Amino acid sequence: MASEHVDVATMEWTSAVPFYGPAAIHEGKEVVQLKVLSDRRGKGGGIAWLVKFSPPPGKLIKIVATALSDEHVFRLEGGRSTKSGKPAQNSGGYSLNPKGQPHSAMIAEESVSLIVYAGEPDEINSLEIVPVSPAR
């Protein structure tokens, strides 16, 4: 099997609708975009991508999903937030969602993560654009 190489800097961001559903577009703007780095699912492997989340000002992207295979997430820029938009996990963090694990994320600032799935990507149960809640 030959090695695969991609130039991430020259790759275009593409629509995440095929994986995240139609809510990846909000008011005509792509709020979730991908750079698919490799897809070996047809050969018994997994899929790896960069994902960019771009929530509208004053709003956050709320995702609820179930891991269909082990999901490895490395936050490169930005990160997860609380309902009030405060940072909860910043860049440089790593998460593992094992196969079958329900999980969620709230993202209030532009963020980029490297996600590697051992097999199939997550089942997205819901993706919503919601207002940032006032801090208590």
N, C-alpha and C. Protein backbone atom coordinates (compact mmCIF):
# COMPACT_ATOMS: atom_id res chain seq x y z
N MET A 1 0.84 -1.17 0.00
CA MET A 1 0.00 0.00 0.00
C MET A 1 0.89 1.25 0.00
N ALA A 2 0.60 2.17 -0.89
CA ALA A 2 1.39 3.40 -1.01
C ALA A 2 0.97 4.44 0.02
N SER A 3 1.92 5.26 0.42
CA SER A 3 1.63 6.38 1.31
C SER A 3 0.80 7.41 0.57
N GLU A 4 0.01 8.16 1.32
CA GLU A 4 -0.77 9.26 0.75
C GLU A 4 -0.24 10.57 1.31
N HIS A 5 -0.15 11.59 0.47
CA HIS A 5 0.33 12.90 0.90
C HIS A 5 -0.61 13.96 0.34
N VAL A 6 -0.95 14.94 1.15
CA VAL A 6 -1.77 16.05 0.68
C VAL A 6 -1.13 17.36 1.14
N ASP A 7 -1.34 18.40 0.37
CA ASP A 7 -0.87 19.73 0.74
C ASP A 7 -2.07 20.48 1.33
N VAL A 8 -2.17 20.48 2.64
CA VAL A 8 -3.32 21.07 3.33
C VAL A 8 -3.45 22.56 3.00
N ALA A 9 -2.33 23.24 2.82
CA ALA A 9 -2.37 24.68 2.56
C ALA A 9 -3.05 25.01 1.23
N THR A 10 -2.95 24.13 0.25
CA THR A 10 -3.55 24.43 -1.06
C THR A 10 -4.94 23.81 -1.23
N MET A 11 -5.35 22.96 -0.31
CA MET A 11 -6.68 22.35 -0.40
C MET A 11 -7.75 23.40 -0.12
N GLU A 12 -8.85 23.31 -0.84
CA GLU A 12 -9.99 24.20 -0.59
C GLU A 12 -10.87 23.61 0.50
N TRP A 13 -11.49 24.49 1.29
CA TRP A 13 -12.51 24.05 2.22
C TRP A 13 -13.74 23.65 1.40
N THR A 14 -14.37 22.53 1.77
CA THR A 14 -15.54 22.05 1.05
C THR A 14 -16.73 21.99 2.00
N SER A 15 -17.90 21.83 1.43
CA SER A 15 -19.12 21.76 2.21
C SER A 15 -19.12 20.54 3.12
N ALA A 16 -19.57 20.74 4.36
CA ALA A 16 -19.70 19.64 5.31
C ALA A 16 -21.10 19.04 5.31
N VAL A 17 -21.97 19.54 4.44
CA VAL A 17 -23.36 19.07 4.40
C VAL A 17 -23.45 17.55 4.23
N PRO A 18 -22.63 16.89 3.38
CA PRO A 18 -22.76 15.44 3.25
C PRO A 18 -22.54 14.68 4.56
N PHE A 19 -21.78 15.22 5.49
CA PHE A 19 -21.50 14.54 6.75
C PHE A 19 -22.30 15.14 7.92
N TYR A 20 -22.45 16.46 7.95
CA TYR A 20 -23.08 17.14 9.08
C TYR A 20 -24.55 17.49 8.83
N GLY A 21 -25.01 17.35 7.60
CA GLY A 21 -26.40 17.64 7.28
C GLY A 21 -26.61 19.08 6.86
N PRO A 22 -27.85 19.43 6.45
CA PRO A 22 -28.15 20.75 5.90
C PRO A 22 -27.94 21.90 6.88
N ALA A 23 -27.94 21.62 8.18
CA ALA A 23 -27.72 22.69 9.17
C ALA A 23 -26.28 23.20 9.15
N ALA A 24 -25.39 22.56 8.37
CA ALA A 24 -24.02 23.05 8.23
C ALA A 24 -23.98 24.34 7.43
N ILE A 25 -25.13 24.73 6.88
CA ILE A 25 -25.29 26.02 6.21
C ILE A 25 -26.35 26.79 7.00
N HIS A 26 -26.01 28.00 7.40
CA HIS A 26 -26.93 28.85 8.17
C HIS A 26 -27.08 30.18 7.47
N GLU A 27 -28.31 30.49 7.10
CA GLU A 27 -28.62 31.74 6.40
C GLU A 27 -27.70 31.93 5.18
N GLY A 28 -27.51 30.85 4.43
CA GLY A 28 -26.73 30.89 3.20
C GLY A 28 -25.22 30.84 3.37
N LYS A 29 -24.75 30.76 4.61
CA LYS A 29 -23.30 30.74 4.86
C LYS A 29 -22.89 29.37 5.40
N GLU A 30 -21.78 28.85 4.87
CA GLU A 30 -21.22 27.59 5.36
C GLU A 30 -20.65 27.84 6.77
N VAL A 31 -21.24 27.22 7.78
CA VAL A 31 -20.74 27.37 9.14
C VAL A 31 -19.89 26.17 9.57
N VAL A 32 -19.94 25.09 8.78
CA VAL A 32 -19.08 23.93 8.99
C VAL A 32 -18.51 23.55 7.62
N GLN A 33 -17.18 23.48 7.54
CA GLN A 33 -16.50 23.13 6.30
C GLN A 33 -15.43 22.08 6.57
N LEU A 34 -15.08 21.32 5.54
CA LEU A 34 -14.12 20.24 5.68
C LEU A 34 -13.00 20.31 4.66
N LYS A 35 -11.87 19.73 5.04
CA LYS A 35 -10.81 19.34 4.13
C LYS A 35 -10.60 17.85 4.42
N VAL A 36 -11.10 16.98 3.55
CA VAL A 36 -10.95 15.54 3.74
C VAL A 36 -9.53 15.16 3.36
N LEU A 37 -8.77 14.69 4.34
CA LEU A 37 -7.36 14.38 4.14
C LEU A 37 -7.16 12.97 3.59
N SER A 38 -7.96 12.04 4.06
CA SER A 38 -7.91 10.67 3.55
C SER A 38 -9.24 10.00 3.87
N ASP A 39 -9.63 9.09 2.99
CA ASP A 39 -10.86 8.33 3.20
C ASP A 39 -10.59 6.90 2.76
N ARG A 40 -10.31 6.03 3.73
CA ARG A 40 -9.98 4.63 3.46
C ARG A 40 -11.10 3.71 3.90
N ARG A 41 -12.31 4.24 4.06
CA ARG A 41 -13.43 3.42 4.51
C ARG A 41 -13.73 2.30 3.53
N GLY A 42 -13.55 2.53 2.25
CA GLY A 42 -13.79 1.50 1.24
C GLY A 42 -12.78 0.36 1.30
N LYS A 43 -11.69 0.56 2.04
CA LYS A 43 -10.64 -0.45 2.16
C LYS A 43 -10.54 -0.95 3.60
N GLY A 44 -11.62 -0.76 4.37
CA GLY A 44 -11.65 -1.24 5.75
C GLY A 44 -11.03 -0.29 6.75
N GLY A 45 -10.65 0.91 6.32
CA GLY A 45 -10.04 1.87 7.24
C GLY A 45 -11.02 2.95 7.66
N GLY A 46 -10.49 4.09 7.98
CA GLY A 46 -11.30 5.20 8.47
C GLY A 46 -11.20 6.41 7.57
N ILE A 47 -11.51 7.55 8.16
CA ILE A 47 -11.50 8.81 7.43
C ILE A 47 -10.89 9.88 8.34
N ALA A 48 -10.13 10.78 7.74
CA ALA A 48 -9.51 11.87 8.50
C ALA A 48 -9.81 13.19 7.80
N TRP A 49 -10.16 14.20 8.60
CA TRP A 49 -10.41 15.50 8.00
C TRP A 49 -10.07 16.63 8.95
N LEU A 50 -9.88 17.79 8.36
CA LEU A 50 -9.87 19.04 9.11
C LEU A 50 -11.28 19.58 9.03
N VAL A 51 -11.79 20.05 10.15
CA VAL A 51 -13.12 20.66 10.16
C VAL A 51 -12.98 22.08 10.69
N LYS A 52 -13.64 23.00 10.00
CA LYS A 52 -13.65 24.40 10.43
C LYS A 52 -15.08 24.77 10.79
N PHE A 53 -15.25 25.24 12.02
CA PHE A 53 -16.54 25.73 12.50
C PHE A 53 -16.48 27.25 12.54
N SER A 54 -17.47 27.90 11.94
CA SER A 54 -17.52 29.37 11.87
C SER A 54 -18.89 29.85 12.34
N PRO A 55 -19.11 29.90 13.66
CA PRO A 55 -20.43 30.34 14.14
C PRO A 55 -20.67 31.82 13.84
N PRO A 56 -21.93 32.19 13.57
CA PRO A 56 -22.24 33.61 13.37
C PRO A 56 -22.01 34.39 14.67
N PRO A 57 -21.77 35.69 14.58
CA PRO A 57 -21.57 36.51 15.79
C PRO A 57 -22.76 36.38 16.74
N GLY A 58 -22.45 36.24 18.03
CA GLY A 58 -23.49 36.14 19.05
C GLY A 58 -24.19 34.80 19.13
N LYS A 59 -23.72 33.85 18.34
CA LYS A 59 -24.35 32.52 18.31
C LYS A 59 -23.27 31.46 18.49
N LEU A 60 -23.74 30.25 18.77
CA LEU A 60 -22.81 29.13 18.83
C LEU A 60 -23.37 27.95 18.06
N ILE A 61 -22.47 27.08 17.65
CA ILE A 61 -22.84 25.85 16.97
C ILE A 61 -22.93 24.78 18.04
N LYS A 62 -24.08 24.14 18.13
CA LYS A 62 -24.30 23.07 19.11
C LYS A 62 -24.48 21.77 18.33
N ILE A 63 -23.62 20.80 18.63
CA ILE A 63 -23.64 19.51 17.94
C ILE A 63 -23.88 18.41 18.97
N VAL A 64 -24.79 17.51 18.65
CA VAL A 64 -25.00 16.29 19.43
C VAL A 64 -24.79 15.13 18.47
N ALA A 65 -23.91 14.19 18.84
CA ALA A 65 -23.54 13.11 17.93
C ALA A 65 -23.33 11.81 18.69
N THR A 66 -23.23 10.73 17.93
CA THR A 66 -22.88 9.42 18.46
C THR A 66 -21.72 8.89 17.64
N ALA A 67 -20.68 8.44 18.31
CA ALA A 67 -19.50 7.92 17.62
C ALA A 67 -19.81 6.56 17.01
N LEU A 68 -19.69 6.46 15.68
CA LEU A 68 -19.88 5.18 14.99
C LEU A 68 -18.59 4.37 14.92
N SER A 69 -17.48 5.02 15.24
CA SER A 69 -16.17 4.37 15.39
C SER A 69 -15.38 5.26 16.34
N ASP A 70 -14.22 4.78 16.78
CA ASP A 70 -13.40 5.64 17.65
C ASP A 70 -13.11 6.95 16.92
N GLU A 71 -13.35 8.07 17.62
CA GLU A 71 -13.15 9.40 17.06
C GLU A 71 -12.05 10.11 17.86
N HIS A 72 -10.98 10.48 17.18
CA HIS A 72 -9.88 11.21 17.79
C HIS A 72 -9.97 12.66 17.33
N VAL A 73 -10.02 13.60 18.27
CA VAL A 73 -10.17 15.02 17.95
C VAL A 73 -9.00 15.79 18.55
N PHE A 74 -8.26 16.51 17.70
CA PHE A 74 -7.18 17.37 18.15
C PHE A 74 -7.52 18.80 17.73
N ARG A 75 -7.71 19.67 18.72
CA ARG A 75 -8.10 21.05 18.44
C ARG A 75 -6.86 21.87 18.05
N LEU A 76 -6.87 22.38 16.81
CA LEU A 76 -5.74 23.13 16.29
C LEU A 76 -5.87 24.63 16.53
N GLU A 77 -7.07 25.16 16.36
CA GLU A 77 -7.34 26.59 16.55
C GLU A 77 -8.69 26.72 17.22
N GLY A 78 -8.81 27.65 18.16
CA GLY A 78 -10.09 27.85 18.83
C GLY A 78 -10.38 26.67 19.74
N GLY A 79 -11.65 26.37 19.91
CA GLY A 79 -12.00 25.24 20.76
C GLY A 79 -13.46 25.27 21.16
N ARG A 80 -13.78 24.40 22.09
CA ARG A 80 -15.15 24.28 22.56
C ARG A 80 -15.46 25.39 23.56
N SER A 81 -16.76 25.62 23.77
CA SER A 81 -17.18 26.68 24.67
C SER A 81 -18.32 26.22 25.56
N THR A 82 -18.65 27.08 26.51
CA THR A 82 -19.83 26.89 27.34
C THR A 82 -21.02 27.52 26.64
N LYS A 83 -22.23 27.35 27.19
CA LYS A 83 -23.43 27.96 26.61
C LYS A 83 -23.34 29.48 26.57
N SER A 84 -22.53 30.05 27.48
CA SER A 84 -22.38 31.51 27.51
C SER A 84 -21.26 31.99 26.59
N GLY A 85 -20.68 31.07 25.82
CA GLY A 85 -19.65 31.44 24.85
C GLY A 85 -18.25 31.53 25.42
N LYS A 86 -18.08 31.22 26.70
CA LYS A 86 -16.75 31.25 27.33
C LYS A 86 -15.97 30.00 26.92
N PRO A 87 -14.65 30.14 26.70
CA PRO A 87 -13.85 28.96 26.32
C PRO A 87 -13.93 27.86 27.37
N ALA A 88 -14.11 26.62 26.91
CA ALA A 88 -14.13 25.46 27.80
C ALA A 88 -12.91 24.57 27.54
N GLN A 89 -12.54 24.43 26.29
CA GLN A 89 -11.36 23.65 25.89
C GLN A 89 -10.72 24.40 24.73
N ASN A 90 -9.49 24.83 24.94
CA ASN A 90 -8.81 25.63 23.93
C ASN A 90 -8.00 24.78 22.98
N SER A 91 -7.34 25.47 22.03
CA SER A 91 -6.51 24.77 21.05
C SER A 91 -5.43 23.98 21.76
N GLY A 92 -5.00 22.92 21.11
CA GLY A 92 -3.98 22.06 21.67
C GLY A 92 -4.54 20.89 22.45
N GLY A 93 -5.83 20.87 22.70
CA GLY A 93 -6.43 19.77 23.46
C GLY A 93 -6.75 18.58 22.58
N TYR A 94 -6.89 17.43 23.22
CA TYR A 94 -7.20 16.18 22.53
C TYR A 94 -8.37 15.52 23.23
N SER A 95 -9.25 14.92 22.44
CA SER A 95 -10.38 14.15 22.98
C SER A 95 -10.50 12.84 22.21
N LEU A 96 -10.97 11.81 22.90
CA LEU A 96 -11.30 10.53 22.27
C LEU A 96 -12.73 10.20 22.63
N ASN A 97 -13.55 10.01 21.60
CA ASN A 97 -14.91 9.52 21.79
C ASN A 97 -14.94 8.10 21.26
N PRO A 98 -15.00 7.09 22.16
CA PRO A 98 -14.98 5.71 21.69
C PRO A 98 -16.27 5.33 20.98
N LYS A 99 -16.18 4.31 20.14
CA LYS A 99 -17.33 3.83 19.38
C LYS A 99 -18.53 3.65 20.30
N GLY A 100 -19.68 4.18 19.87
CA GLY A 100 -20.92 4.07 20.64
C GLY A 100 -21.16 5.22 21.61
N GLN A 101 -20.17 6.06 21.84
CA GLN A 101 -20.26 7.13 22.83
C GLN A 101 -21.10 8.30 22.32
N PRO A 102 -22.22 8.63 22.99
CA PRO A 102 -22.91 9.88 22.67
C PRO A 102 -22.07 11.04 23.21
N HIS A 103 -22.02 12.13 22.49
CA HIS A 103 -21.23 13.28 22.92
C HIS A 103 -21.78 14.55 22.28
N SER A 104 -21.30 15.68 22.77
CA SER A 104 -21.77 16.95 22.23
C SER A 104 -20.63 17.96 22.26
N ALA A 105 -20.84 19.05 21.55
CA ALA A 105 -19.88 20.16 21.54
C ALA A 105 -20.64 21.45 21.29
N MET A 106 -20.16 22.52 21.91
CA MET A 106 -20.65 23.86 21.64
C MET A 106 -19.44 24.68 21.22
N ILE A 107 -19.58 25.40 20.12
CA ILE A 107 -18.46 26.15 19.56
C ILE A 107 -18.93 27.58 19.31
N ALA A 108 -18.28 28.54 19.97
CA ALA A 108 -18.70 29.94 19.89
C ALA A 108 -17.73 30.83 19.13
N GLU A 109 -16.59 30.29 18.72
CA GLU A 109 -15.61 31.06 17.95
C GLU A 109 -15.10 30.20 16.81
N GLU A 110 -14.56 30.84 15.78
CA GLU A 110 -14.03 30.05 14.67
C GLU A 110 -12.99 29.07 15.23
N SER A 111 -13.14 27.82 14.83
CA SER A 111 -12.29 26.75 15.35
C SER A 111 -11.94 25.78 14.23
N VAL A 112 -10.75 25.20 14.32
CA VAL A 112 -10.31 24.18 13.37
C VAL A 112 -9.79 23.00 14.18
N SER A 113 -10.25 21.80 13.83
CA SER A 113 -9.80 20.58 14.49
C SER A 113 -9.42 19.53 13.46
N LEU A 114 -8.47 18.69 13.82
CA LEU A 114 -8.14 17.49 13.06
C LEU A 114 -8.94 16.36 13.69
N ILE A 115 -9.77 15.69 12.89
CA ILE A 115 -10.57 14.58 13.39
C ILE A 115 -10.22 13.33 12.59
N VAL A 116 -9.90 12.27 13.31
CA VAL A 116 -9.57 10.99 12.70
C VAL A 116 -10.54 9.95 13.25
N TYR A 117 -11.26 9.30 12.34
CA TYR A 117 -12.18 8.23 12.70
C TYR A 117 -11.54 6.90 12.33
N ALA A 118 -11.64 5.91 13.21
CA ALA A 118 -11.10 4.58 12.92
C ALA A 118 -11.91 3.87 11.85
N GLY A 119 -13.16 4.27 11.66
CA GLY A 119 -14.06 3.70 10.65
C GLY A 119 -14.98 4.78 10.15
N GLU A 120 -16.28 4.59 10.35
CA GLU A 120 -17.27 5.57 9.90
C GLU A 120 -17.26 6.81 10.79
N PRO A 121 -17.55 7.99 10.22
CA PRO A 121 -17.65 9.20 11.03
C PRO A 121 -18.90 9.17 11.90
N ASP A 122 -18.98 10.12 12.79
CA ASP A 122 -20.10 10.24 13.73
C ASP A 122 -21.45 10.26 13.03
N GLU A 123 -22.46 9.78 13.74
CA GLU A 123 -23.85 10.03 13.37
C GLU A 123 -24.21 11.36 14.03
N ILE A 124 -24.54 12.36 13.23
CA ILE A 124 -24.91 13.67 13.76
C ILE A 124 -26.39 13.61 14.12
N ASN A 125 -26.69 13.64 15.42
CA ASN A 125 -28.07 13.60 15.88
C ASN A 125 -28.74 14.95 15.73
N SER A 126 -27.98 16.02 15.96
CA SER A 126 -28.50 17.37 15.72
C SER A 126 -27.33 18.35 15.60
N LEU A 127 -27.53 19.36 14.78
CA LEU A 127 -26.61 20.48 14.64
C LEU A 127 -27.49 21.71 14.60
N GLU A 128 -27.30 22.60 15.57
CA GLU A 128 -28.12 23.80 15.67
C GLU A 128 -27.25 25.03 15.82
N ILE A 129 -27.75 26.14 15.34
CA ILE A 129 -27.15 27.45 15.59
C ILE A 129 -28.05 28.09 16.64
N VAL A 130 -27.49 28.34 17.83
CA VAL A 130 -28.30 28.86 18.94
C VAL A 130 -27.65 30.13 19.50
N PRO A 131 -28.46 31.01 20.08
CA PRO A 131 -27.88 32.22 20.69
C PRO A 131 -27.00 31.86 21.88
N VAL A 132 -25.96 32.63 22.06
CA VAL A 132 -25.13 32.49 23.25
C VAL A 132 -25.99 32.89 24.45
N SER A 133 -25.99 32.06 25.49
CA SER A 133 -26.78 32.35 26.69
C SER A 133 -26.04 33.36 27.57
N PRO A 134 -26.75 34.27 28.19
CA PRO A 134 -26.07 35.21 29.11
C PRO A 134 -25.42 34.44 30.27
N ALA A 135 -24.24 34.89 30.69
CA ALA A 135 -23.56 34.26 31.82
C ALA A 135 -24.33 34.56 33.10
N ARG A 136 -24.33 33.58 33.99
CA ARG A 136 -25.03 33.78 35.28
C ARG A 136 -24.11 34.39 36.29
